[in-house]
Protein backbone atom coordinates (compact mmCIF):
# COMPACT_ATOMS: atom_id res chain seq x y z
CA MET A 1 -4.86 3.64 23.09
CA ASN A 2 -4.02 7.03 21.65
CA LYS A 3 -7.29 8.71 20.59
CA ASN A 4 -5.45 11.17 18.34
CA LYS A 5 -3.96 8.40 16.22
CA LYS A 6 -6.00 7.58 13.12
CA GLU A 7 -6.09 3.83 12.62
CA THR A 8 -6.73 2.55 9.12
CA LEU A 9 -7.24 -1.05 8.07
CA ILE A 10 -5.49 -1.53 4.76
CA ILE A 11 -5.99 -4.55 2.48
CA CYS A 12 -3.72 -4.90 -0.54
CA PRO A 13 -5.76 -4.35 -3.71
CA ILE A 14 -3.41 -6.66 -5.64
CA CYS A 15 -3.17 -9.79 -3.47
CA GLN A 16 -5.86 -9.10 -0.80
CA SER A 17 -3.27 -9.57 1.98
CA ARG A 18 -3.55 -7.81 5.33
CA ASP A 19 0.19 -8.23 5.98
CA ILE A 20 0.82 -4.52 5.49
CA GLY A 21 3.52 -2.38 7.07
CA ILE A 22 3.43 1.40 7.33
CA LEU A 23 6.34 3.35 5.85
CA ARG A 24 5.00 6.82 6.63
CA GLN A 25 1.70 8.69 6.62
CA ASN A 26 -0.44 7.53 3.66
CA LEU A 27 2.28 5.11 2.46
CA TRP A 28 2.30 1.35 3.16
CA PHE A 29 4.21 -1.75 2.00
CA CYS A 30 2.60 -5.12 1.27
CA ARG A 31 4.85 -7.87 2.61
CA ALA A 32 3.00 -10.52 0.57
CA CYS A 33 3.41 -9.12 -2.96
CA PHE A 34 6.14 -6.51 -2.29
CA CYS A 35 4.28 -3.46 -3.59
CA GLU A 36 3.94 0.03 -2.17
CA LEU A 37 0.45 1.32 -1.45
CA VAL A 38 -0.35 5.03 -1.54
CA GLU A 39 -3.59 6.74 -0.54
CA LYS A 40 -4.66 9.27 -3.18
CA SER A 41 -8.04 10.99 -3.12
CA GLY A 42 -9.42 8.38 -0.72
CA LYS A 43 -8.36 5.43 -2.89
CA ILE A 44 -5.46 3.01 -2.51
CA VAL A 45 -3.07 2.93 -5.48
CA ALA A 46 -0.45 0.14 -5.80
CA PHE A 47 3.06 0.55 -7.19
CA GLY A 48 5.53 -2.20 -8.00
CA ILE A 49 9.19 -1.64 -7.23
CA GLU A 50 11.36 -2.01 -10.34
CA GLN A 51 14.92 -3.39 -10.33
CA ASP A 52 16.37 0.13 -10.54
CA GLY A 53 14.31 1.21 -7.50
CA SER A 54 11.75 3.23 -9.43
CA LEU A 55 8.03 2.70 -8.93
CA LYS A 56 5.56 1.57 -11.60
CA LYS A 57 1.81 1.78 -11.10
CA ILE A 58 0.19 -1.66 -11.00
CA GLU A 59 -3.10 -2.00 -12.81
CA LYS A 60 -5.18 -4.82 -11.36
CA SER A 61 -6.41 -7.10 -14.13
CA ALA A 62 -10.12 -7.98 -14.18
């Protein structure tokens, strides 16, 4: 195992899935609910992909 590689366990804040793929550093894709996950200031923020390809922040309902 590469000791220089930072491994992060990501759980989707929207659907709680662990079926997450990495797109690039600090950017993941949830294969279960099809949202992009971005790490900002130590928190995971979810974005839905709109029909035109733009991203819209997803607010998790309580």
